[in-house]
Protein backbone atom coordinates (compact mmCIF):
# COMPACT_ATOMS: atom_id res chain seq x y z
CA MET A 1 168.59 0.90 249.01
CA LYS A 2 169.99 4.46 248.06
CA GLN A 3 170.97 2.87 244.34
CA ARG A 4 167.45 1.74 243.79
CA ILE A 5 165.62 5.26 245.13
CA ILE A 6 167.77 7.35 242.35
CA LEU A 7 167.51 4.39 239.85
CA PHE A 8 163.66 5.17 240.66
CA VAL A 9 164.16 8.73 240.08
CA THR A 10 165.83 8.47 237.09
CA ILE A 11 163.77 6.64 235.27
CA PHE A 12 160.57 8.73 236.00
CA PHE A 13 163.01 11.93 234.96
CA TYR A 14 164.38 10.40 232.32
CA PHE A 15 160.72 9.89 230.51
CA VAL A 16 160.07 13.51 231.25
CA LEU A 17 163.19 14.85 229.74
CA ILE A 18 162.24 13.12 226.49
CA PHE A 19 158.58 14.24 226.65
CA LEU A 20 160.31 17.83 226.64
CA VAL A 21 162.71 17.20 223.93
CA GLY A 22 159.99 16.23 221.91
CA LYS A 23 157.80 19.38 222.45
CA SER A 24 160.93 21.37 221.86
CA ILE A 25 161.28 20.01 218.32
CA PHE A 26 157.52 19.71 217.58
CA MET A 27 157.76 24.02 218.39
CA ILE A 28 160.77 24.40 215.96
CA ALA A 29 159.43 22.39 213.55
CA HIS A 30 156.01 24.42 213.02
CA SER A 31 156.89 28.04 214.98
CA SER A 32 155.54 29.48 211.79
CA MET A 33 151.87 28.12 212.47
CA GLY A 34 151.96 29.93 215.75
CA GLY A 35 152.93 33.19 214.60
CA GLY A 36 156.29 32.59 215.84
CA ILE A 37 157.45 31.68 219.03
CA SER A 38 159.05 33.99 222.10
CA ALA A 39 161.18 32.55 224.16
CA SER A 40 158.95 33.21 226.98
CA ASP A 41 156.61 30.95 224.58
CA PHE A 42 158.93 28.13 224.52
CA PHE A 43 159.11 28.35 228.64
CA ASN A 44 155.64 28.44 228.89
CA VAL A 45 154.94 25.78 226.80
CA LEU A 46 157.09 23.97 228.30
CA TYR A 47 156.25 24.71 231.99
CA HIS A 48 152.21 24.64 231.29
CA GLY A 49 152.77 21.16 229.68
CA LEU A 50 154.35 19.64 232.40
CA PRO A 51 151.44 17.94 233.98
CA LEU A 52 150.95 15.87 230.96
CA ASP A 53 154.59 14.90 231.20
CA LEU A 54 154.44 13.90 234.58
CA SER A 55 151.51 12.07 234.17
CA THR A 56 152.55 9.59 231.42
CA SER A 57 156.39 9.67 232.94
CA GLY A 58 154.15 8.10 235.40
CA TYR A 59 152.11 5.53 233.42
CA LEU A 60 155.58 4.30 232.42
CA THR A 61 157.31 4.41 235.19
CA ALA A 62 155.38 1.99 236.82
CA LEU A 63 156.32 -1.56 235.77
CA PRO A 64 160.23 -0.63 235.65
CA ALA A 65 159.52 0.29 239.77
CA LEU A 66 157.62 -3.12 240.16
CA ILE A 67 160.61 -4.74 238.52
CA LEU A 68 162.87 -2.43 240.45
CA ILE A 69 161.23 -4.26 243.66
CA ALA A 70 162.48 -7.68 241.83
CA SER A 71 166.08 -6.42 241.33
CA ILE A 72 166.04 -7.84 245.74
CA VAL A 73 165.80 -11.38 244.54
CA PHE A 74 167.09 -11.37 241.11
CA LYS A 75 170.65 -10.62 239.55
CA PRO A 76 171.56 -7.33 237.85
CA SER A 77 171.98 -8.92 234.66
CA ILE A 78 168.06 -10.69 234.36
CA ILE A 79 167.01 -7.17 235.40
CA SER A 80 168.98 -5.73 232.79
CA LYS A 81 167.57 -8.16 229.71
CA ILE A 82 164.04 -7.65 231.03
CA TYR A 83 164.82 -3.65 230.95
CA ASN A 84 165.88 -3.96 227.56
CA VAL A 85 163.25 -5.49 226.23
CA TYR A 86 160.88 -2.89 227.86
CA PHE A 87 162.54 0.31 227.44
CA ALA A 88 162.99 -0.91 223.69
CA LEU A 89 159.35 -1.47 223.06
CA ILE A 90 158.13 1.95 224.94
CA LEU A 91 160.83 4.30 223.44
CA ALA A 92 159.86 2.53 219.77
CA VAL A 93 156.21 3.23 220.54
CA VAL A 94 157.39 7.05 222.26
CA SER A 95 159.13 8.07 218.86
CA ILE A 96 156.74 6.58 216.52
CA ILE A 97 153.99 8.93 218.12
CA ALA A 98 156.21 11.89 218.90
CA ILE A 99 157.48 11.65 214.98
CA VAL A 100 154.47 11.06 212.98
CA ASP A 101 152.50 13.78 215.54
CA ILE A 102 154.68 16.18 213.92
CA VAL A 103 154.45 14.96 210.62
CA VAL A 104 150.50 14.90 210.71
CA TYR A 105 150.16 18.21 212.74
CA PRO A 106 150.31 20.73 209.29
CA TYR A 107 147.44 18.62 207.90
CA TRP A 108 145.36 17.81 210.93
CA SER A 109 145.94 21.24 212.95
CA PHE A 110 145.60 18.39 216.05
CA HIS A 111 147.69 16.02 217.71
CA PHE A 112 147.76 12.50 216.25
CA ASP A 113 144.70 10.69 217.63
CA SER A 114 142.74 7.44 217.85
CA THR A 115 141.33 8.56 214.54
CA VAL A 116 144.69 7.58 212.54
CA PHE A 117 143.23 4.01 213.20
CA LEU A 118 139.66 4.59 211.35
CA TYR A 119 142.05 6.07 208.79
CA LEU A 120 144.33 3.01 208.52
CA LYS A 121 141.79 1.15 207.27
CA ASN A 122 142.59 2.66 204.11
CA PRO A 123 145.97 2.75 204.25
CA LYS A 124 146.42 4.38 200.68
CA GLU A 125 144.27 7.10 201.15
CA ALA A 126 146.02 7.07 204.06
CA PHE A 127 149.38 7.90 203.10
CA ALA A 128 147.79 9.70 200.03
CA SER A 129 148.91 13.44 200.83
CA ALA A 130 152.10 12.43 202.28
CA SER A 131 155.27 13.08 199.65
CA VAL A 132 157.95 10.26 199.54
CA LEU A 133 160.38 13.12 200.77
CA GLU A 134 158.09 12.90 203.68
CA ILE A 135 157.86 9.29 204.46
CA VAL A 136 161.45 8.94 204.30
CA LEU A 137 162.19 11.87 206.33
CA GLY A 138 159.47 10.77 209.09
CA THR A 139 161.18 7.63 209.09
CA LEU A 140 164.82 8.53 209.29
CA GLY A 141 163.48 11.03 212.55
CA ILE A 142 161.30 8.06 214.19
CA ILE A 143 165.11 5.91 213.61
CA ALA A 144 166.79 8.87 214.95
CA PHE A 145 164.86 9.55 217.74
CA PHE A 146 165.17 6.10 218.84
CA ALA A 147 168.40 5.54 218.42
CA ALA A 148 169.25 8.76 221.06
CA THR A 149 166.93 7.89 223.82
CA TYR A 150 167.64 4.37 223.58
CA ALA A 151 171.48 5.62 223.89
CA GLY A 152 170.23 7.56 226.76
CA TYR A 153 168.33 4.56 228.45
CA ILE A 154 172.02 2.63 228.22
CA TYR A 155 174.11 5.76 229.64
CA LEU A 156 171.64 6.56 232.10
CA ILE A 157 169.65 3.75 233.53
CA LYS A 158 171.34 0.24 231.91
CA LYS A 159 174.57 1.20 233.54
CA GLN A 160 173.02 1.58 237.07
CA VAL A 161 171.22 -1.59 236.50
CA LEU A 162 174.50 -3.47 236.20
CA ARG A 163 176.10 -1.90 239.40
CA LEU A 164 172.71 -2.62 241.80
CA LYS A 165 173.89 -4.76 245.03
CA VAL A 166 171.87 -6.60 247.41
CA PRO A 167 170.83 -4.34 250.23
CA LYS A 168 171.30 -4.57 253.44
CA SER A 169 167.74 -4.77 254.71
CA ARG A 170 165.39 -6.16 251.87
CA ALA A 171 162.25 -5.80 253.47
CA VAL A 172 162.90 -2.06 254.16
CA THR A 173 164.01 -1.82 250.43
CA SER A 174 160.78 -3.52 249.15
CA ILE A 175 158.30 -1.30 251.39
CA VAL A 176 160.27 2.02 250.30
CA LEU A 177 160.03 1.06 246.82
CA LEU A 178 156.61 0.13 247.27
CA LEU A 179 155.53 3.24 248.26
CA LEU A 180 157.24 5.29 245.80
CA THR A 181 155.70 3.56 243.40
CA ALA A 182 152.34 4.09 244.88
CA PHE A 183 153.08 7.65 244.94
CA LEU A 184 153.17 7.56 241.19
CA PHE A 185 149.45 7.98 241.73
CA LEU A 186 149.60 11.00 242.25
CA PRO A 187 152.03 12.51 239.39
CA ILE A 188 149.64 9.95 237.22
CA ARG A 189 145.82 11.34 238.46
CA GLY A 190 147.18 14.82 238.64
CA GLY A 191 147.03 15.45 242.34
CA ILE A 192 144.43 14.85 244.63
CA THR A 193 141.79 17.24 243.84
CA VAL A 194 138.34 16.25 242.36
CA SER A 195 139.83 16.33 238.81
CA THR A 196 141.62 14.02 236.85
CA MET A 197 144.56 14.74 234.07
CA ASN A 198 142.68 15.41 230.99
CA VAL A 199 144.66 17.34 228.34
CA GLY A 200 142.45 20.64 228.72
CA LYS A 201 144.61 20.66 232.06
CA VAL A 202 147.61 22.46 229.98
CA TYR A 203 145.55 24.55 228.43
CA PHE A 204 146.82 28.56 228.75
CA SER A 205 146.74 30.57 226.07
CA ASP A 206 144.73 31.93 223.19
CA ASN A 207 146.98 31.20 220.80
CA LEU A 208 145.65 27.92 220.27
CA PHE A 209 148.96 26.18 218.78
CA LEU A 210 150.72 27.40 221.76
CA ASN A 211 148.06 25.36 223.80
CA HIS A 212 148.54 22.01 220.88
CA ALA A 213 152.23 22.67 221.72
CA ALA A 214 151.73 22.07 225.53
CA ILE A 215 149.92 18.52 225.02
CA ASN A 216 151.82 15.46 225.43
CA PRO A 217 151.30 13.73 222.33
CA GLN A 218 151.39 10.12 223.75
CA PHE A 219 149.05 11.00 226.55
CA ASN A 220 146.43 12.81 223.93
CA LEU A 221 146.32 9.48 221.48
CA LEU A 222 146.15 7.27 225.01
CA TYR A 223 143.51 9.66 225.83
CA SER A 224 141.64 9.55 222.61
CA ILE A 225 141.71 6.04 222.46
CA SER A 226 139.81 5.50 226.04
CA LYS A 227 137.20 7.98 225.19
CA SER A 228 137.17 6.83 221.20
CA ASP A 229 133.67 6.02 219.56
CA ASN A 230 132.37 5.98 216.13
CA PHE A 231 129.56 8.57 216.95
CA GLY A 232 128.40 9.21 213.54
CA SER A 233 127.27 5.63 212.99
CA GLN A 234 125.18 5.54 216.46
CA TYR A 235 121.52 6.39 216.70
CA GLN A 236 120.85 5.82 212.61
CA PHE A 237 117.02 6.32 213.01
CA TYR A 238 116.89 7.20 209.50
CA ASP A 239 118.45 7.27 205.86
CA LYS A 240 120.73 10.18 206.77
CA THR A 241 118.98 12.17 204.08
CA GLU A 242 115.83 11.71 205.96
CA ALA A 243 117.53 12.44 209.14
CA THR A 244 118.79 15.98 208.12
CA ALA A 245 116.02 16.87 205.97
CA ILE A 246 113.98 16.56 208.72
CA PHE A 247 116.03 18.16 211.10
CA ASP A 248 116.48 21.37 208.85
CA ASP A 249 112.89 22.16 208.70
CA LEU A 250 112.55 21.72 212.45
CA THR A 251 115.28 24.04 213.09
CA SER A 252 114.33 26.27 210.03
CA GLN A 253 114.80 29.99 211.00
CA PRO A 254 112.70 32.28 208.43
CA VAL A 255 113.08 36.13 208.98
CA ALA A 256 110.37 37.77 210.73
CA ASP A 257 110.02 41.59 211.47
CA SER A 258 107.87 41.01 214.47
CA ILE A 259 110.62 39.80 217.53
CA PRO A 260 110.17 41.62 220.31
CA ARG A 261 113.16 43.94 221.50
CA LEU A 262 113.83 43.21 225.04
CA LEU A 263 116.51 45.19 225.54
CA ASN A 264 117.40 48.92 225.93
CA THR A 265 120.92 48.23 223.89
CA ASP A 266 122.23 45.84 221.31
CA ARG A 267 126.04 46.29 223.21
CA PRO A 268 125.06 45.76 226.99
CA ASN A 269 128.00 44.43 229.09
CA ILE A 270 126.32 41.14 229.80
CA ILE A 271 126.87 39.03 233.14
CA LEU A 272 126.06 35.00 233.15
CA PHE A 273 125.46 33.21 236.08
CA ILE A 274 125.45 29.73 235.81
CA LEU A 275 123.20 28.14 238.60
CA GLU A 276 124.53 24.47 239.89
CA SER A 277 121.53 22.38 240.05
CA PHE A 278 118.85 24.72 240.21
CA SER A 279 114.97 23.84 239.31
CA ALA A 280 112.24 25.77 238.00
CA ASP A 281 110.40 24.21 240.77
CA VAL A 282 112.67 25.89 243.86
CA SER A 283 113.66 28.82 241.56
CA ALA A 284 109.81 29.87 241.33
CA ASP A 285 109.49 29.50 245.33
CA SER A 286 108.86 32.71 247.65
CA ILE A 287 110.07 31.08 250.25
CA ILE A 288 113.05 28.95 249.40
CA ALA A 289 114.40 31.54 246.56
CA PRO A 290 113.05 34.71 247.61
CA ASN A 291 115.14 36.90 245.16
CA ILE A 292 115.07 34.64 242.17
CA TYR A 293 111.07 34.90 242.67
CA GLN A 294 111.41 38.50 242.44
CA PHE A 295 114.15 38.64 239.85
CA ALA A 296 111.34 37.02 237.95
CA LYS A 297 109.05 39.80 238.19
CA GLU A 298 111.23 42.52 237.49
CA GLY A 299 112.91 41.20 234.61
CA ILE A 300 112.28 39.02 231.89
CA ALA A 301 111.45 35.53 232.88
CA PHE A 302 111.51 32.57 230.61
CA LYS A 303 108.85 29.83 230.92
CA ASN A 304 108.72 26.10 229.79
CA PHE A 305 112.81 26.48 229.63
CA TYR A 306 114.25 23.43 230.03
CA ALA A 307 118.21 21.46 230.43
CA ASN A 308 119.35 19.92 227.61
CA SER A 309 120.86 17.31 229.49
CA PHE A 310 121.78 16.08 232.96
CA ARG A 311 125.29 16.82 234.33
CA THR A 312 127.42 20.33 234.31
CA ASP A 313 129.76 19.58 231.65
CA ARG A 314 126.99 19.16 229.34
CA GLY A 315 125.00 22.51 230.21
CA LEU A 316 128.02 24.57 229.94
CA VAL A 317 128.12 23.76 226.12
CA SER A 318 125.04 23.76 226.04
CA ILE A 319 124.76 27.07 227.18
CA LEU A 320 127.75 28.94 226.22
CA SER A 321 128.05 26.96 222.42
CA GLY A 322 124.02 26.49 221.66
CA TYR A 323 124.98 22.47 221.43
CA PRO A 324 122.44 19.96 222.82
CA GLY A 325 124.13 17.55 225.20
CA HIS A 326 124.62 13.99 224.33
CA PRO A 327 123.52 11.64 226.59
CA THR A 328 126.04 8.77 226.18
CA VAL A 329 129.31 10.97 225.80
CA ALA A 330 130.69 14.64 226.72
CA ILE A 331 131.80 16.51 223.96
CA MET A 332 134.21 18.63 226.16
CA LYS A 333 136.19 15.50 226.62
CA TYR A 334 137.53 16.01 223.71
CA PRO A 335 139.01 19.26 222.49
CA GLN A 336 139.61 19.01 219.25
CA LYS A 337 136.03 18.91 218.70
CA THR A 338 135.14 21.93 220.84
CA GLU A 339 137.93 24.01 219.29
CA SER A 340 135.75 23.45 216.18
CA LEU A 341 132.04 24.89 217.97
CA PRO A 342 130.61 28.37 218.24
CA THR A 343 130.52 29.80 221.54
CA ILE A 344 128.74 33.17 222.83
CA PRO A 345 132.28 33.95 224.20
CA LYS A 346 134.39 34.11 221.09
CA THR A 347 131.21 35.75 219.11
CA LEU A 348 131.05 38.50 221.58
CA LYS A 349 134.84 39.08 221.36
CA ASN A 350 134.98 39.23 217.45
CA SER A 351 132.48 41.70 217.68
CA GLY A 352 134.15 44.19 220.20
CA TYR A 353 133.58 43.02 223.48
CA LYS A 354 137.02 43.38 225.08
CA ASN A 355 137.05 41.85 229.06
CA LEU A 356 136.13 37.80 229.10
CA SER A 357 136.25 36.13 232.41
CA LEU A 358 135.21 33.21 233.89
CA PHE A 359 134.56 32.85 237.66
CA TYR A 360 134.24 29.92 239.44
CA GLY A 361 135.19 28.44 242.99
CA GLY A 362 135.97 24.73 242.13
CA ASP A 363 138.56 23.25 240.00
CA ALA A 364 138.68 24.76 236.06
CA ASP A 365 140.41 21.62 235.13
CA PHE A 366 137.56 19.35 236.15
CA SER A 367 135.86 17.27 233.61
CA ASN A 368 138.12 19.64 230.36
CA MET A 369 136.51 22.69 231.34
CA ARG A 370 139.95 24.93 230.83
CA SER A 371 140.36 24.09 227.87
CA TYR A 372 136.72 24.53 226.43
CA PHE A 373 136.86 27.91 228.25
CA VAL A 374 140.32 28.61 227.07
CA GLY A 375 140.50 27.04 223.64
CA ALA A 376 136.74 27.17 222.39
CA CYS A 377 135.49 30.28 224.46
CA SER A 378 138.57 32.22 224.19
CA ILE A 379 138.15 33.55 227.71
CA ASN A 380 142.09 33.17 229.26
CA ASN A 381 141.01 35.27 232.25
CA ILE A 382 140.10 32.69 234.61
CA VAL A 383 139.41 32.74 238.15
CA SER A 384 139.23 29.53 239.87
CA ASP A 385 139.79 28.01 243.65
CA SER A 386 143.54 28.26 243.15
CA ASP A 387 143.63 32.00 242.92
CA PHE A 388 141.93 31.96 246.50
CA PRO A 389 143.73 31.12 250.00
CA LEU A 390 143.49 27.68 251.34
CA SER A 391 141.15 28.96 254.21
CA GLU A 392 138.65 29.66 252.07
CA ARG A 393 137.99 26.70 250.36
CA MET A 394 135.99 25.70 252.81
CA THR A 395 133.99 22.50 250.90
CA LYS A 396 134.76 19.81 249.12
CA TRP A 397 134.09 21.78 245.74
CA GLY A 398 135.96 24.69 246.34
CA VAL A 399 135.18 28.18 247.48
CA PRO A 400 131.60 29.00 248.58
CA ASP A 401 128.99 30.89 246.63
CA SER A 402 129.51 34.06 249.46
CA LEU A 403 133.15 34.37 248.55
CA LEU A 404 132.90 33.56 244.95
CA ILE A 405 129.95 36.34 244.01
CA ASP A 406 131.99 38.75 246.40
CA ARG A 407 135.07 38.53 244.33
CA ALA A 408 133.52 38.62 241.14
CA TYR A 409 131.67 41.51 242.19
CA SER A 410 134.84 43.09 243.44
CA ASP A 411 136.73 42.11 240.15
CA ILE A 412 134.03 43.65 237.82
CA VAL A 413 133.24 46.68 239.85
CA GLU A 414 136.79 47.87 241.10
CA ALA A 415 139.28 46.80 238.34
CA GLU A 416 138.91 49.05 234.88
CA GLN A 417 136.62 47.25 232.80
CA GLU A 418 136.73 48.33 228.99
CA ALA A 419 133.24 48.13 227.89
CA PRO A 420 131.21 46.31 226.52
CA PHE A 421 132.47 43.48 228.60
CA PHE A 422 131.11 39.58 229.02
CA LYS A 423 131.43 37.55 232.43
CA VAL A 424 130.93 34.12 233.11
CA ILE A 425 129.98 33.35 237.31
CA LEU A 426 129.61 29.32 238.10
CA THR A 427 128.28 28.78 241.23
CA LEU A 428 128.80 25.48 243.31
CA SER A 429 127.49 25.61 246.56
CA SER A 430 123.82 23.93 245.83
CA HIS A 431 125.91 20.48 244.38
CA GLU A 432 126.23 17.82 246.91
CA PRO A 433 126.70 17.41 249.45
CA PHE A 434 125.25 21.31 249.62
CA ASP A 435 127.89 22.55 252.34
CA VAL A 436 126.49 25.74 253.46
CA PRO A 437 125.96 28.10 256.91
CA THR A 438 122.19 28.28 255.80
CA ALA A 439 119.78 25.51 258.05
CA LYS A 440 115.84 27.14 257.08
CA PHE A 441 114.66 23.88 255.98
CA ASP A 442 115.00 20.11 256.50
CA ILE A 443 116.15 18.96 253.01
CA PRO A 444 120.11 20.25 252.23
CA PHE A 445 119.46 21.15 248.72
CA LEU A 446 116.73 23.96 249.74
CA ASN A 447 119.36 25.20 252.21
CA ALA A 448 121.95 25.45 249.64
CA ILE A 449 119.34 26.99 247.02
CA ASN A 450 118.33 29.54 249.81
CA TYR A 451 122.16 30.12 250.37
CA THR A 452 123.10 31.16 246.60
CA ASP A 453 119.65 32.81 246.59
CA GLU A 454 120.98 35.22 249.25
CA ASN A 455 124.12 35.90 247.56
CA LEU A 456 123.04 36.95 244.39
CA VAL A 457 120.17 39.65 245.54
CA PHE A 458 123.74 40.78 247.56
CA PHE A 459 125.23 41.13 243.94
CA VAL A 460 122.70 42.66 242.38
CA SER A 461 121.51 44.83 244.68
CA LYS A 462 124.67 46.67 244.92
CA LEU A 463 125.38 46.60 241.38
CA LYS A 464 122.40 48.32 241.11
CA GLN A 465 124.03 51.09 243.17
CA THR A 466 127.01 51.60 240.54
CA LYS A 467 127.36 53.46 237.12
CA LEU A 468 127.58 50.03 235.51
CA TRP A 469 123.95 49.22 236.24
CA ASP A 470 122.31 51.14 233.60
CA ASN A 471 124.09 49.39 230.45
CA THR A 472 124.13 45.83 232.12
CA LEU A 473 122.48 42.99 231.29
CA ILE A 474 122.39 39.93 234.05
CA ILE A 475 121.35 36.84 232.65
CA LEU A 476 120.15 33.69 235.70
CA ILE A 477 120.09 30.52 233.60
CA ALA A 478 120.84 26.86 235.98
CA ASP A 479 123.14 24.12 234.36
CA HIS A 480 120.68 21.26 234.93
CA ALA A 481 118.30 20.55 237.36
CA MET A 482 118.62 18.52 240.70
CA GLN A 483 117.92 14.99 239.77
CA SER A 484 117.34 13.97 243.29
CA TYR A 485 114.70 16.49 243.97
CA PRO A 486 111.26 16.35 244.45
CA GLN A 487 111.57 12.46 245.30
CA GLY A 488 109.36 9.58 243.66
CA VAL A 489 109.53 11.46 239.93
CA ASN A 490 111.58 9.46 236.88
CA ASN A 491 114.83 10.23 235.86
CA ASN A 492 113.15 11.12 232.29
CA ASP A 493 110.44 12.94 233.55
CA ALA A 494 109.90 16.69 232.18
CA LYS A 495 110.23 18.05 235.85
CA ARG A 496 113.74 16.69 235.90
CA PHE A 497 114.95 18.61 233.36
CA GLU A 498 112.91 22.41 233.09
CA ILE A 499 115.16 25.15 235.07
CA PRO A 500 114.85 29.03 235.00
CA MET A 501 116.27 31.26 232.68
CA ILE A 502 115.69 34.90 234.07
CA TRP A 503 117.23 38.26 232.44
CA LEU A 504 117.41 41.48 234.39
CA GLY A 505 119.61 44.44 234.87
CA GLY A 506 119.41 47.89 233.54
CA ALA A 507 119.37 46.68 230.12
CA VAL A 508 116.42 45.08 229.89
CA LYS A 509 113.46 47.54 228.75
CA GLU A 510 110.56 46.27 231.16
CA PRO A 511 109.43 43.09 232.85
CA TYR A 512 108.25 40.44 230.22
CA THR A 513 107.37 36.80 230.53
CA ILE A 514 107.93 34.52 227.68
CA ILE A 515 106.13 31.20 227.79
CA ASP A 516 107.30 29.50 224.42
CA TYR A 517 109.24 26.07 224.56
CA GLY A 518 112.85 26.10 224.92
CA SER A 519 116.40 25.05 226.02
CA GLN A 520 119.66 25.80 226.92
CA ASN A 521 120.68 25.58 223.14
CA ASP A 522 118.56 28.00 222.23
CA LEU A 523 119.97 30.99 224.69
CA ALA A 524 122.63 31.72 221.91
CA ALA A 525 120.33 32.22 219.11
CA THR A 526 117.99 34.22 221.05
CA LEU A 527 120.46 36.29 222.88
CA LEU A 528 122.84 36.96 219.67
CA SER A 529 119.77 38.02 217.91
CA GLN A 530 118.41 40.56 220.79
CA LEU A 531 122.16 42.19 220.00
CA ASN A 532 121.86 42.01 216.42
CA MET A 533 124.78 39.71 215.20
CA LYS A 534 124.86 36.51 213.13
CA TYR A 535 124.27 33.37 214.60
CA ASN A 536 123.98 30.99 211.53
CA ASP A 537 127.11 28.87 212.76
CA PHE A 538 124.58 27.76 215.63
CA ARG A 539 123.17 25.33 214.01
CA PHE A 540 121.29 23.33 216.94
CA SER A 541 120.20 26.54 218.32
CA LYS A 542 116.92 28.90 218.02
CA ASP A 543 115.55 32.63 218.58
CA ILE A 544 113.26 31.33 220.78
CA LEU A 545 111.39 34.89 220.40
CA ASN A 546 110.75 34.26 216.69
CA PRO A 547 107.17 34.33 216.14
CA GLU A 548 108.36 32.10 212.87
CA ALA A 549 110.86 29.14 214.26
CA HIS A 550 109.39 26.02 215.66
CA LYS A 551 108.86 26.45 219.46
CA PHE A 552 110.30 23.51 221.35
CA ALA A 553 112.16 22.28 224.02
CA PHE A 554 114.75 18.75 223.90
CA TYR A 555 116.49 17.38 226.69
CA SER A 556 118.29 13.84 226.91
CA TYR A 557 118.52 11.59 229.84
CA MET A 558 121.03 8.74 230.59
CA ASN A 559 120.50 6.96 227.20
CA GLY A 560 117.49 8.43 226.30
CA PHE A 561 115.45 11.55 225.19
CA SER A 562 113.07 13.67 225.04
CA MET A 563 110.96 16.53 222.95
CA ILE A 564 108.09 19.10 223.83
CA ASP A 565 106.30 21.73 222.69
CA SER A 566 102.91 23.32 223.18
CA THR A 567 101.11 20.47 221.11
CA GLY A 568 102.52 17.33 222.91
CA MET A 569 105.39 15.40 223.97
CA ILE A 570 107.81 12.32 223.55
CA THR A 571 109.94 10.64 225.43
CA TYR A 572 112.04 8.11 223.57
CA ASP A 573 113.96 5.14 225.47
CA ASN A 574 117.23 3.94 223.48
CA ASP A 575 117.85 0.87 225.48
CA LYS A 576 113.92 -0.16 225.54
CA GLN A 577 114.45 0.72 221.76
CA GLY A 578 110.64 2.34 222.04
CA ILE A 579 108.53 4.81 223.25
CA ILE A 580 108.03 5.51 226.85
CA ASN A 581 105.69 8.25 226.94
CA GLN A 582 103.66 10.17 224.55
CA SER A 583 100.84 12.79 224.15
CA GLY A 584 99.37 14.75 221.53
CA ASN A 585 101.43 15.37 218.23
CA PRO A 586 102.55 12.31 216.86
CA ASP A 587 104.98 13.93 214.23
CA LEU A 588 106.90 14.78 217.42
CA GLU A 589 108.55 11.33 217.04
CA LYS A 590 109.75 11.72 214.14
CA GLN A 591 111.07 14.78 214.79
CA ALA A 592 112.95 14.01 218.14
CA LYS A 593 114.95 10.95 216.49
CA ALA A 594 116.28 12.89 213.98
CA PHE A 595 117.53 15.80 215.76
CA PHE A 596 119.39 13.41 218.07
CA GLN A 597 120.41 11.56 215.25
CA MET A 598 121.87 14.73 213.85
CA MET A 599 123.50 15.37 217.18
CA TYR A 600 125.23 12.20 217.16
CA ILE A 601 126.18 12.59 212.85
CA ASP A 602 127.72 15.97 214.07
CA LEU A 603 129.58 15.08 217.06
CA GLY A 604 131.05 12.50 214.72
CA ASN A 605 132.02 14.88 211.92
CA ARG A 606 133.74 17.43 214.42
């Protein structure tokens, strides 16, 4: 049994070793692209990239592990022949991916992924940019890498296989090997938390090259294949030229002199609370959410405001990138696409904002969030569940809002902050299963809303007593509404998507209510306009306060979409391929379809 356990461990870590060597070659070959790599950078890349290496090794070890169980019955010579074929094929594929990735990275600036198969449909064009020397060196590199790794297999693994003996207890050995094989689930999935292994888990630096270098290229290719789709060709309601013209007219932002100025300063500190599942109805209820109800009276309340989608991963990108959520796919799953998005934090950072932070009581690696916050938003300071003691991770999702908000307040007020700063606080207690200590209502969701509401007022009231208050803007906005509340409402109904957005703080001039229609993707243009910053890069975002802009809200549900403005509304279902609800202005149909089509064209082009 001992022989087989050692062999199992050898196989697993041999693959890990191969991946570490591949990354080392990658960094040496392209160190100039990262502005030079120090010894600490080199170590950090290997260390932070280890989760993906372990996961990929887990996948590749699974079949050899099962064959190893069969070795209890079959002769070592037979097992050796099977291993020879398996390792020859796998190491050939690993070698091709590793070397081709090194060759193409300078041209693509992202890892070798499923898009290569689109290019290979036209092999002449695919290889047009490569010189004969690069093709020759690449081919030699693949051969050399394969030869070295296969030689390692013969020396480290095959020799052990040929020395295998019949174990004293076949039954016990079989059970132990089965358990070891089952344990591969842990590195493959990335642990037992709610998040599964994803590319964004390895992001750790403001230097995008270092994040890319940490990614396992073999994992990246498999991951992109599992997620790939030709988005740009989907939902083609109109000719692309016509769709673009309709979209450009709809999103036109004429220069206007009469945009109201809502703030006392164009460089306030900004604290953005993204509230889990808060709907407009509960937020406007003086009994369920009395403090948010009062905030709306004291600050700037945006009525007729909607979430773009129904999931947090879409909502975060809609809020921070002004990029509406796609119903069938989350762009956050594709780091190379999110890195091309404009973001509010990065725009602020480029305009002098120094301290950017994210506070989240859950797993920051869930749904690829880390890659988005670090890679696209340039937020490198992330406080998440792992930064709290185990005793404070009291719920399924992590740390309850009371402890999260206390931590955020402490870090903001007690630590020295270079102004202006930007902070994001993502709450989670109002996520199912609504595990909160408050029990005022019969409906658990309402208790959770009330609980977070109470903690928000503690934060605001304490901040009012500090010198930061006068120059601080607090923005409250929901990531989406609660899809199961209230009961009896269709999933495509506007009530399912209407959410609060409230601005308050000492930086706000006076109470103000805005009744123009808008949605999450409009925060970017509206906020940046108030800060006298350009927002041209936010193609899908409009300034709600611009009297010359088209005031509309857009949202998508499972496989459909809706547009609503003061003239009417339309809801179109892609499964039905028809309108399921329409009132008022008939032009909304064309505008909604063009907007939705351009969302997918844009996604496909990134």
